[in-house]
Amino acid sequence: MNNAPQPFDNVVRASLRALQGVVAPALDRDNPLAQEQLALVCRFLGFVAQRAPLAMARQWLELHLAHAMAQELLQAIPGAPQTVREHALAACDRARTLLDASVPDTDRLVAETASLNASISAWVRSSRAFDPSPRAQLEAIVLRHSQRVTQLHRAWFSPLGLDPEAAGVPSLESLLAARAQA
């Protein structure tokens, strides 16, 4: 018996084949809820199998986008409280080190993206005390960068067919290709 670990997407595809080839034919055709639930699970497993090979690239791009937003905030909005700036600077330094790594760790990508996003959120919360002009500048930066993040999320989930305006969503491949040039 071979106990070697299988690549994640192979295990998901095998599970999907088992559900479609063994479980689906055994389901009672008079149970529409079971049929519907099996179809949903199969659709989701197909999505996971399709996206699994791209997960690292997506995480890298999310970190890159959060880093770009935080960097622009640091340069454009000097008026944040010192603790907010210090946290953002430290998070940007860690992110830059990770972005420059030849083989980044997915868990670290997720953690550093969360750290940058927490810094950005703290900056936004602190902006209530800003004068109107810097607050408007901060809001414009966050909105502009958030559009790219939203595009990435919409593209990532597009195979599920839930987006009512799917025709306007760029392909995930084009977004990931653009990050390769970043």
N, C-alpha and C. Protein backbone atom coordinates (compact mmCIF):
# COMPACT_ATOMS: atom_id res chain seq x y z
N MET A 1 0.84 -1.19 0.00
CA MET A 1 0.00 0.00 0.00
C MET A 1 0.88 1.24 0.00
N ASN A 2 0.55 2.20 -0.83
CA ASN A 2 1.32 3.42 -0.97
C ASN A 2 0.74 4.47 -0.02
N ASN A 3 1.53 4.89 0.97
CA ASN A 3 1.09 5.90 1.93
C ASN A 3 1.67 7.28 1.64
N ALA A 4 2.25 7.45 0.45
CA ALA A 4 2.82 8.75 0.10
C ALA A 4 1.70 9.78 0.01
N PRO A 5 1.95 10.98 0.50
CA PRO A 5 0.91 12.01 0.42
C PRO A 5 0.58 12.34 -1.04
N GLN A 6 -0.68 12.56 -1.27
CA GLN A 6 -1.16 12.90 -2.60
C GLN A 6 -1.31 14.42 -2.70
N PRO A 7 -1.02 14.97 -3.86
CA PRO A 7 -1.28 16.41 -4.01
C PRO A 7 -2.75 16.70 -3.73
N PHE A 8 -2.96 17.82 -3.09
CA PHE A 8 -4.31 18.19 -2.65
C PHE A 8 -5.33 18.13 -3.77
N ASP A 9 -5.00 18.70 -4.94
CA ASP A 9 -5.99 18.73 -6.01
C ASP A 9 -6.32 17.33 -6.51
N ASN A 10 -5.36 16.38 -6.45
CA ASN A 10 -5.65 15.00 -6.85
C ASN A 10 -6.63 14.35 -5.88
N VAL A 11 -6.48 14.60 -4.60
CA VAL A 11 -7.38 14.05 -3.60
C VAL A 11 -8.79 14.62 -3.79
N VAL A 12 -8.86 15.91 -4.07
CA VAL A 12 -10.18 16.54 -4.29
C VAL A 12 -10.82 15.95 -5.54
N ARG A 13 -10.07 15.80 -6.60
CA ARG A 13 -10.63 15.23 -7.84
C ARG A 13 -11.09 13.79 -7.63
N ALA A 14 -10.32 13.01 -6.87
CA ALA A 14 -10.73 11.63 -6.58
C ALA A 14 -12.01 11.61 -5.76
N SER A 15 -12.14 12.52 -4.80
CA SER A 15 -13.36 12.62 -4.00
C SER A 15 -14.55 12.98 -4.89
N LEU A 16 -14.32 13.90 -5.81
CA LEU A 16 -15.38 14.30 -6.73
C LEU A 16 -15.82 13.13 -7.60
N ARG A 17 -14.85 12.38 -8.12
CA ARG A 17 -15.20 11.20 -8.94
C ARG A 17 -15.99 10.18 -8.13
N ALA A 18 -15.60 9.98 -6.86
CA ALA A 18 -16.33 9.04 -6.00
C ALA A 18 -17.76 9.48 -5.78
N LEU A 19 -17.94 10.76 -5.54
CA LEU A 19 -19.30 11.27 -5.34
C LEU A 19 -20.14 11.12 -6.61
N GLN A 20 -19.54 11.47 -7.74
CA GLN A 20 -20.29 11.42 -8.99
C GLN A 20 -20.50 9.98 -9.48
N GLY A 21 -19.51 9.13 -9.30
CA GLY A 21 -19.60 7.78 -9.84
C GLY A 21 -20.22 6.75 -8.93
N VAL A 22 -20.16 6.96 -7.63
CA VAL A 22 -20.67 5.97 -6.68
C VAL A 22 -21.88 6.50 -5.90
N VAL A 23 -21.73 7.67 -5.32
CA VAL A 23 -22.79 8.19 -4.46
C VAL A 23 -23.98 8.66 -5.28
N ALA A 24 -23.74 9.41 -6.35
CA ALA A 24 -24.86 9.95 -7.15
C ALA A 24 -25.79 8.85 -7.67
N PRO A 25 -25.26 7.77 -8.26
CA PRO A 25 -26.19 6.73 -8.73
C PRO A 25 -26.95 6.03 -7.61
N ALA A 26 -26.40 6.04 -6.40
CA ALA A 26 -27.05 5.35 -5.28
C ALA A 26 -28.11 6.21 -4.58
N LEU A 27 -28.14 7.49 -4.90
CA LEU A 27 -29.12 8.37 -4.25
C LEU A 27 -30.52 8.09 -4.75
N ASP A 28 -31.45 8.22 -3.84
CA ASP A 28 -32.86 8.05 -4.17
C ASP A 28 -33.29 9.21 -5.08
N ARG A 29 -33.73 8.90 -6.28
CA ARG A 29 -34.16 9.93 -7.24
C ARG A 29 -35.40 10.68 -6.76
N ASP A 30 -36.09 10.12 -5.79
CA ASP A 30 -37.27 10.78 -5.24
C ASP A 30 -36.93 11.72 -4.09
N ASN A 31 -35.63 11.94 -3.88
CA ASN A 31 -35.20 12.85 -2.82
C ASN A 31 -34.48 14.04 -3.46
N PRO A 32 -35.26 15.05 -3.88
CA PRO A 32 -34.65 16.19 -4.58
C PRO A 32 -33.66 16.97 -3.71
N LEU A 33 -33.88 17.00 -2.41
CA LEU A 33 -32.96 17.73 -1.54
C LEU A 33 -31.58 17.05 -1.54
N ALA A 34 -31.56 15.74 -1.47
CA ALA A 34 -30.28 15.01 -1.50
C ALA A 34 -29.60 15.21 -2.85
N GLN A 35 -30.36 15.19 -3.92
CA GLN A 35 -29.81 15.41 -5.26
C GLN A 35 -29.20 16.82 -5.35
N GLU A 36 -29.95 17.79 -4.85
CA GLU A 36 -29.48 19.18 -4.89
C GLU A 36 -28.21 19.35 -4.06
N GLN A 37 -28.19 18.77 -2.86
CA GLN A 37 -27.02 18.91 -1.99
C GLN A 37 -25.80 18.23 -2.58
N LEU A 38 -25.99 17.08 -3.19
CA LEU A 38 -24.86 16.41 -3.84
C LEU A 38 -24.33 17.25 -5.00
N ALA A 39 -25.22 17.83 -5.77
CA ALA A 39 -24.78 18.68 -6.88
C ALA A 39 -24.00 19.89 -6.36
N LEU A 40 -24.44 20.49 -5.25
CA LEU A 40 -23.72 21.62 -4.68
C LEU A 40 -22.33 21.22 -4.19
N VAL A 41 -22.25 20.07 -3.52
CA VAL A 41 -20.95 19.60 -3.02
C VAL A 41 -20.02 19.28 -4.19
N CYS A 42 -20.54 18.64 -5.22
CA CYS A 42 -19.72 18.33 -6.40
C CYS A 42 -19.24 19.60 -7.09
N ARG A 43 -20.11 20.55 -7.20
CA ARG A 43 -19.73 21.83 -7.82
C ARG A 43 -18.63 22.52 -7.02
N PHE A 44 -18.77 22.51 -5.70
CA PHE A 44 -17.76 23.13 -4.85
C PHE A 44 -16.43 22.38 -4.94
N LEU A 45 -16.47 21.06 -4.91
CA LEU A 45 -15.22 20.30 -5.02
C LEU A 45 -14.55 20.54 -6.38
N GLY A 46 -15.34 20.67 -7.42
CA GLY A 46 -14.78 21.01 -8.73
C GLY A 46 -14.09 22.37 -8.70
N PHE A 47 -14.72 23.32 -8.03
CA PHE A 47 -14.14 24.65 -7.86
C PHE A 47 -12.82 24.56 -7.09
N VAL A 48 -12.81 23.83 -6.00
CA VAL A 48 -11.59 23.69 -5.19
C VAL A 48 -10.48 23.05 -6.01
N ALA A 49 -10.81 22.00 -6.74
CA ALA A 49 -9.79 21.34 -7.57
C ALA A 49 -9.25 22.28 -8.64
N GLN A 50 -10.10 23.09 -9.22
CA GLN A 50 -9.68 24.04 -10.24
C GLN A 50 -8.79 25.13 -9.66
N ARG A 51 -9.12 25.61 -8.48
CA ARG A 51 -8.41 26.75 -7.90
C ARG A 51 -7.19 26.36 -7.06
N ALA A 52 -7.12 25.13 -6.57
CA ALA A 52 -6.02 24.72 -5.69
C ALA A 52 -4.63 25.04 -6.27
N PRO A 53 -4.37 24.76 -7.54
CA PRO A 53 -3.04 25.07 -8.06
C PRO A 53 -2.72 26.57 -8.11
N LEU A 54 -3.74 27.41 -8.01
CA LEU A 54 -3.55 28.86 -8.10
C LEU A 54 -3.58 29.55 -6.73
N ALA A 55 -3.74 28.78 -5.66
CA ALA A 55 -3.90 29.36 -4.33
C ALA A 55 -2.69 30.18 -3.91
N MET A 56 -1.49 29.69 -4.15
CA MET A 56 -0.29 30.42 -3.75
C MET A 56 -0.20 31.74 -4.51
N ALA A 57 -0.46 31.71 -5.80
CA ALA A 57 -0.40 32.94 -6.60
C ALA A 57 -1.45 33.94 -6.12
N ARG A 58 -2.62 33.46 -5.75
CA ARG A 58 -3.66 34.36 -5.24
C ARG A 58 -3.21 34.99 -3.92
N GLN A 59 -2.68 34.17 -3.03
CA GLN A 59 -2.23 34.70 -1.75
C GLN A 59 -1.11 35.72 -1.93
N TRP A 60 -0.22 35.44 -2.87
CA TRP A 60 0.87 36.37 -3.14
C TRP A 60 0.30 37.70 -3.64
N LEU A 61 -0.66 37.63 -4.56
CA LEU A 61 -1.25 38.85 -5.10
C LEU A 61 -2.00 39.62 -4.01
N GLU A 62 -2.72 38.93 -3.13
CA GLU A 62 -3.41 39.63 -2.05
C GLU A 62 -2.41 40.36 -1.16
N LEU A 63 -1.28 39.72 -0.85
CA LEU A 63 -0.26 40.39 -0.05
C LEU A 63 0.30 41.59 -0.80
N HIS A 64 0.57 41.41 -2.08
CA HIS A 64 1.10 42.51 -2.90
C HIS A 64 0.14 43.70 -2.90
N LEU A 65 -1.15 43.44 -3.06
CA LEU A 65 -2.14 44.51 -3.09
C LEU A 65 -2.24 45.23 -1.75
N ALA A 66 -2.23 44.47 -0.66
CA ALA A 66 -2.29 45.09 0.67
C ALA A 66 -1.02 45.90 0.93
N HIS A 67 0.12 45.37 0.50
CA HIS A 67 1.39 46.07 0.68
C HIS A 67 1.38 47.39 -0.10
N ALA A 68 0.89 47.35 -1.34
CA ALA A 68 0.85 48.56 -2.16
C ALA A 68 -0.04 49.62 -1.52
N MET A 69 -1.17 49.21 -0.97
CA MET A 69 -2.07 50.17 -0.33
C MET A 69 -1.40 50.77 0.92
N ALA A 70 -0.83 49.92 1.75
CA ALA A 70 -0.19 50.41 2.97
C ALA A 70 0.98 51.33 2.65
N GLN A 71 1.76 50.98 1.63
CA GLN A 71 2.89 51.82 1.23
C GLN A 71 2.42 53.20 0.79
N GLU A 72 1.36 53.22 0.00
CA GLU A 72 0.85 54.51 -0.47
C GLU A 72 0.31 55.34 0.69
N LEU A 73 -0.36 54.69 1.63
CA LEU A 73 -0.85 55.41 2.80
C LEU A 73 0.31 55.99 3.60
N LEU A 74 1.36 55.21 3.78
CA LEU A 74 2.53 55.68 4.53
C LEU A 74 3.15 56.91 3.87
N GLN A 75 3.19 56.91 2.55
CA GLN A 75 3.81 58.02 1.83
C GLN A 75 2.91 59.24 1.76
N ALA A 76 1.62 59.03 1.62
CA ALA A 76 0.71 60.14 1.34
C ALA A 76 0.07 60.75 2.58
N ILE A 77 -0.09 59.95 3.64
CA ILE A 77 -0.84 60.41 4.81
C ILE A 77 0.07 60.32 6.05
N PRO A 78 0.83 61.35 6.32
CA PRO A 78 1.74 61.29 7.46
C PRO A 78 1.06 61.49 8.82
N GLY A 79 -0.20 61.86 8.84
CA GLY A 79 -0.85 62.26 10.09
C GLY A 79 -1.44 61.16 10.93
N ALA A 80 -1.17 59.91 10.65
CA ALA A 80 -1.74 58.84 11.47
C ALA A 80 -1.04 58.81 12.83
N PRO A 81 -1.73 58.30 13.84
CA PRO A 81 -1.08 58.16 15.14
C PRO A 81 0.20 57.32 15.02
N GLN A 82 1.15 57.58 15.91
CA GLN A 82 2.46 56.93 15.83
C GLN A 82 2.34 55.41 15.89
N THR A 83 1.48 54.89 16.73
CA THR A 83 1.35 53.43 16.84
C THR A 83 0.83 52.82 15.54
N VAL A 84 -0.09 53.53 14.87
CA VAL A 84 -0.62 53.05 13.59
C VAL A 84 0.49 53.03 12.54
N ARG A 85 1.26 54.12 12.47
CA ARG A 85 2.36 54.20 11.50
C ARG A 85 3.42 53.13 11.79
N GLU A 86 3.76 52.96 13.05
CA GLU A 86 4.79 51.97 13.40
C GLU A 86 4.34 50.56 13.02
N HIS A 87 3.08 50.23 13.31
CA HIS A 87 2.56 48.91 12.95
C HIS A 87 2.57 48.74 11.44
N ALA A 88 2.15 49.77 10.72
CA ALA A 88 2.14 49.70 9.26
C ALA A 88 3.55 49.55 8.69
N LEU A 89 4.49 50.30 9.23
CA LEU A 89 5.88 50.19 8.76
C LEU A 89 6.44 48.79 9.00
N ALA A 90 6.21 48.25 10.20
CA ALA A 90 6.70 46.90 10.50
C ALA A 90 6.03 45.86 9.60
N ALA A 91 4.72 46.00 9.39
CA ALA A 91 4.00 45.06 8.53
C ALA A 91 4.49 45.16 7.09
N CYS A 92 4.76 46.38 6.63
CA CYS A 92 5.28 46.56 5.27
C CYS A 92 6.67 45.94 5.12
N ASP A 93 7.50 46.10 6.13
CA ASP A 93 8.84 45.50 6.08
C ASP A 93 8.76 43.97 6.01
N ARG A 94 7.90 43.38 6.84
CA ARG A 94 7.74 41.92 6.81
C ARG A 94 7.17 41.46 5.47
N ALA A 95 6.20 42.21 4.96
CA ALA A 95 5.59 41.87 3.67
C ALA A 95 6.62 41.96 2.55
N ARG A 96 7.43 43.00 2.54
CA ARG A 96 8.44 43.16 1.49
C ARG A 96 9.41 41.99 1.52
N THR A 97 9.85 41.58 2.71
CA THR A 97 10.75 40.43 2.84
C THR A 97 10.09 39.18 2.26
N LEU A 98 8.84 38.98 2.57
CA LEU A 98 8.11 37.81 2.09
C LEU A 98 7.88 37.88 0.58
N LEU A 99 7.54 39.06 0.07
CA LEU A 99 7.33 39.21 -1.37
C LEU A 99 8.61 38.96 -2.15
N ASP A 100 9.74 39.26 -1.54
CA ASP A 100 11.02 39.04 -2.21
C ASP A 100 11.53 37.60 -2.08
N ALA A 101 10.89 36.80 -1.24
CA ALA A 101 11.32 35.41 -1.04
C ALA A 101 11.06 34.60 -2.30
N SER A 102 11.95 33.69 -2.60
CA SER A 102 11.79 32.88 -3.81
C SER A 102 10.65 31.88 -3.67
N VAL A 103 10.45 31.32 -2.49
CA VAL A 103 9.37 30.36 -2.26
C VAL A 103 8.67 30.74 -0.95
N PRO A 104 7.71 31.66 -1.02
CA PRO A 104 7.05 32.08 0.21
C PRO A 104 6.15 30.98 0.77
N ASP A 105 5.95 31.01 2.05
CA ASP A 105 5.10 30.08 2.78
C ASP A 105 3.66 30.62 2.75
N THR A 106 2.71 29.78 2.34
CA THR A 106 1.32 30.22 2.22
C THR A 106 0.77 30.75 3.54
N ASP A 107 1.07 30.06 4.65
CA ASP A 107 0.57 30.52 5.94
C ASP A 107 1.11 31.91 6.27
N ARG A 108 2.37 32.15 5.96
CA ARG A 108 2.95 33.48 6.22
C ARG A 108 2.33 34.52 5.30
N LEU A 109 2.06 34.15 4.04
CA LEU A 109 1.40 35.08 3.12
C LEU A 109 0.06 35.53 3.71
N VAL A 110 -0.71 34.57 4.19
CA VAL A 110 -2.03 34.87 4.76
C VAL A 110 -1.87 35.73 6.01
N ALA A 111 -0.94 35.37 6.88
CA ALA A 111 -0.75 36.11 8.14
C ALA A 111 -0.28 37.54 7.88
N GLU A 112 0.66 37.71 6.97
CA GLU A 112 1.16 39.06 6.70
C GLU A 112 0.13 39.91 5.97
N THR A 113 -0.68 39.29 5.13
CA THR A 113 -1.78 40.03 4.48
C THR A 113 -2.76 40.51 5.55
N ALA A 114 -3.09 39.63 6.50
CA ALA A 114 -3.99 40.01 7.59
C ALA A 114 -3.39 41.13 8.43
N SER A 115 -2.09 41.07 8.67
CA SER A 115 -1.43 42.12 9.45
C SER A 115 -1.49 43.47 8.72
N LEU A 116 -1.22 43.45 7.42
CA LEU A 116 -1.31 44.69 6.65
C LEU A 116 -2.75 45.22 6.64
N ASN A 117 -3.70 44.33 6.44
CA ASN A 117 -5.11 44.76 6.42
C ASN A 117 -5.53 45.32 7.77
N ALA A 118 -5.01 44.76 8.87
CA ALA A 118 -5.31 45.29 10.20
C ALA A 118 -4.72 46.70 10.33
N SER A 119 -3.52 46.90 9.80
CA SER A 119 -2.91 48.24 9.84
C SER A 119 -3.73 49.24 9.05
N ILE A 120 -4.17 48.83 7.89
CA ILE A 120 -4.98 49.71 7.05
C ILE A 120 -6.29 50.05 7.76
N SER A 121 -6.92 49.05 8.38
CA SER A 121 -8.16 49.29 9.13
C SER A 121 -7.94 50.25 10.28
N ALA A 122 -6.82 50.08 10.98
CA ALA A 122 -6.51 51.00 12.09
C ALA A 122 -6.33 52.42 11.56
N TRP A 123 -5.71 52.52 10.40
CA TRP A 123 -5.49 53.83 9.78
C TRP A 123 -6.83 54.49 9.45
N VAL A 124 -7.73 53.69 8.87
CA VAL A 124 -9.05 54.21 8.51
C VAL A 124 -9.80 54.64 9.77
N ARG A 125 -9.76 53.81 10.82
CA ARG A 125 -10.45 54.17 12.07
C ARG A 125 -9.88 55.47 12.66
N SER A 126 -8.57 55.60 12.60
CA SER A 126 -7.95 56.80 13.17
C SER A 126 -8.22 58.05 12.34
N SER A 127 -8.63 57.86 11.09
CA SER A 127 -8.83 59.02 10.20
C SER A 127 -10.01 59.89 10.62
N ARG A 128 -10.84 59.41 11.52
CA ARG A 128 -11.96 60.22 12.00
C ARG A 128 -11.46 61.51 12.64
N ALA A 129 -10.22 61.45 13.15
CA ALA A 129 -9.65 62.64 13.81
C ALA A 129 -8.88 63.53 12.83
N PHE A 130 -8.77 63.11 11.57
CA PHE A 130 -8.01 63.88 10.58
C PHE A 130 -8.80 65.10 10.12
N ASP A 131 -8.09 66.06 9.58
CA ASP A 131 -8.74 67.17 8.88
C ASP A 131 -9.40 66.60 7.62
N PRO A 132 -10.38 67.32 7.05
CA PRO A 132 -11.11 66.80 5.89
C PRO A 132 -10.22 66.45 4.68
N SER A 133 -9.22 67.23 4.39
CA SER A 133 -8.40 66.97 3.20
C SER A 133 -7.61 65.66 3.29
N PRO A 134 -6.85 65.42 4.37
CA PRO A 134 -6.14 64.14 4.45
C PRO A 134 -7.09 62.96 4.59
N ARG A 135 -8.23 63.17 5.24
CA ARG A 135 -9.20 62.08 5.35
C ARG A 135 -9.73 61.71 3.97
N ALA A 136 -10.03 62.69 3.15
CA ALA A 136 -10.50 62.44 1.79
C ALA A 136 -9.42 61.74 0.96
N GLN A 137 -8.18 62.14 1.15
CA GLN A 137 -7.08 61.50 0.43
C GLN A 137 -6.94 60.03 0.85
N LEU A 138 -7.04 59.77 2.15
CA LEU A 138 -6.98 58.39 2.64
C LEU A 138 -8.12 57.57 2.05
N GLU A 139 -9.31 58.11 2.08
CA GLU A 139 -10.47 57.40 1.54
C GLU A 139 -10.29 57.08 0.06
N ALA A 140 -9.75 58.03 -0.70
CA ALA A 140 -9.52 57.80 -2.13
C ALA A 140 -8.50 56.69 -2.36
N ILE A 141 -7.45 56.68 -1.57
CA ILE A 141 -6.42 55.63 -1.71
C ILE A 141 -7.02 54.26 -1.38
N VAL A 142 -7.74 54.18 -0.28
CA VAL A 142 -8.33 52.90 0.13
C VAL A 142 -9.34 52.42 -0.91
N LEU A 143 -10.18 53.30 -1.40
CA LEU A 143 -11.17 52.90 -2.40
C LEU A 143 -10.51 52.41 -3.69
N ARG A 144 -9.48 53.13 -4.14
CA ARG A 144 -8.81 52.75 -5.39
C ARG A 144 -8.17 51.37 -5.26
N HIS A 145 -7.47 51.16 -4.17
CA HIS A 145 -6.81 49.87 -3.98
C HIS A 145 -7.83 48.75 -3.70
N SER A 146 -8.90 49.08 -3.01
CA SER A 146 -9.92 48.08 -2.70
C SER A 146 -10.61 47.56 -3.96
N GLN A 147 -10.69 48.38 -4.99
CA GLN A 147 -11.28 47.92 -6.25
C GLN A 147 -10.49 46.76 -6.83
N ARG A 148 -9.16 46.82 -6.73
CA ARG A 148 -8.33 45.73 -7.25
C ARG A 148 -8.52 44.45 -6.42
N VAL A 149 -8.63 44.61 -5.10
CA VAL A 149 -8.85 43.46 -4.22
C VAL A 149 -10.21 42.83 -4.54
N THR A 150 -11.22 43.67 -4.71
CA THR A 150 -12.55 43.16 -5.04
C THR A 150 -12.55 42.45 -6.39
N GLN A 151 -11.84 43.00 -7.35
CA GLN A 151 -11.71 42.32 -8.66
C GLN A 151 -11.11 40.94 -8.50
N LEU A 152 -10.06 40.84 -7.70
CA LEU A 152 -9.41 39.55 -7.47
C LEU A 152 -10.39 38.57 -6.83
N HIS A 153 -11.12 38.99 -5.83
CA HIS A 153 -12.07 38.10 -5.17
C HIS A 153 -13.19 37.67 -6.12
N ARG A 154 -13.68 38.60 -6.90
CA ARG A 154 -14.73 38.25 -7.87
C ARG A 154 -14.21 37.26 -8.90
N ALA A 155 -12.99 37.47 -9.38
CA ALA A 155 -12.41 36.56 -10.37
C ALA A 155 -12.17 35.19 -9.75
N TRP A 156 -11.71 35.16 -8.51
CA TRP A 156 -11.43 33.88 -7.84
C TRP A 156 -12.69 33.03 -7.75
N PHE A 157 -13.80 33.64 -7.39
CA PHE A 157 -15.04 32.89 -7.18
C PHE A 157 -15.92 32.80 -8.43
N SER A 158 -15.49 33.35 -9.55
CA SER A 158 -16.32 33.37 -10.75
C SER A 158 -16.78 31.99 -11.23
N PRO A 159 -15.98 30.92 -11.08
CA PRO A 159 -16.48 29.62 -11.55
C PRO A 159 -17.75 29.15 -10.83
N LEU A 160 -18.03 29.70 -9.67
CA LEU A 160 -19.25 29.30 -8.96
C LEU A 160 -20.51 29.88 -9.58
N GLY A 161 -20.34 30.90 -10.45
CA GLY A 161 -21.48 31.46 -11.17
C GLY A 161 -22.42 32.27 -10.32
N LEU A 162 -21.94 32.87 -9.26
CA LEU A 162 -22.80 33.63 -8.35
C LEU A 162 -22.81 35.13 -8.61
N ASP A 163 -21.88 35.61 -9.40
CA ASP A 163 -21.76 37.05 -9.64
C ASP A 163 -22.78 37.49 -10.68
N PRO A 164 -23.69 38.41 -10.31
CA PRO A 164 -24.71 38.83 -11.27
C PRO A 164 -24.14 39.65 -12.43
N GLU A 165 -22.92 40.15 -12.27
CA GLU A 165 -22.29 40.93 -13.34
C GLU A 165 -20.98 40.26 -13.77
N ALA A 166 -21.04 38.96 -13.97
CA ALA A 166 -19.83 38.18 -14.27
C ALA A 166 -19.14 38.62 -15.55
N ALA A 167 -19.88 39.17 -16.48
CA ALA A 167 -19.28 39.58 -17.76
C ALA A 167 -18.25 40.69 -17.55
N GLY A 168 -18.37 41.45 -16.48
CA GLY A 168 -17.44 42.55 -16.23
C GLY A 168 -16.24 42.16 -15.38
N VAL A 169 -16.13 40.89 -15.05
CA VAL A 169 -15.04 40.43 -14.19
C VAL A 169 -13.87 39.98 -15.05
N PRO A 170 -12.67 40.54 -14.82
CA PRO A 170 -11.51 40.06 -15.57
C PRO A 170 -11.20 38.62 -15.18
N SER A 171 -10.53 37.92 -16.04
CA SER A 171 -10.19 36.53 -15.72
C SER A 171 -9.14 36.49 -14.62
N LEU A 172 -9.18 35.45 -13.81
CA LEU A 172 -8.19 35.28 -12.76
C LEU A 172 -6.80 35.18 -13.37
N GLU A 173 -6.70 34.51 -14.48
CA GLU A 173 -5.41 34.34 -15.14
C GLU A 173 -4.80 35.70 -15.53
N SER A 174 -5.65 36.62 -16.01
CA SER A 174 -5.11 37.93 -16.40
C SER A 174 -4.65 38.72 -15.18
N LEU A 175 -5.39 38.59 -14.07
CA LEU A 175 -4.98 39.29 -12.85
C LEU A 175 -3.69 38.71 -12.29
N LEU A 176 -3.56 37.39 -12.31
CA LEU A 176 -2.34 36.76 -11.82
C LEU A 176 -1.15 37.06 -12.74
N ALA A 177 -1.40 37.15 -14.05
CA ALA A 177 -0.33 37.48 -14.99
C ALA A 177 0.15 38.91 -14.74
N ALA A 178 -0.77 39.80 -14.44
CA ALA A 178 -0.39 41.19 -14.17
C ALA A 178 0.45 41.28 -12.91
N ARG A 179 0.16 40.45 -11.92
CA ARG A 179 0.96 40.46 -10.69
C ARG A 179 2.35 39.97 -10.93
N ALA A 180 2.53 39.07 -11.89
CA ALA A 180 3.85 38.55 -12.20
C ALA A 180 4.78 39.66 -12.69
N GLN A 181 4.17 40.71 -13.24
CA GLN A 181 4.95 41.83 -13.74
C GLN A 181 5.09 42.94 -12.71
N ALA A 182 4.47 42.74 -11.53
CA ALA A 182 4.51 43.77 -10.48
C ALA A 182 5.85 43.74 -9.75
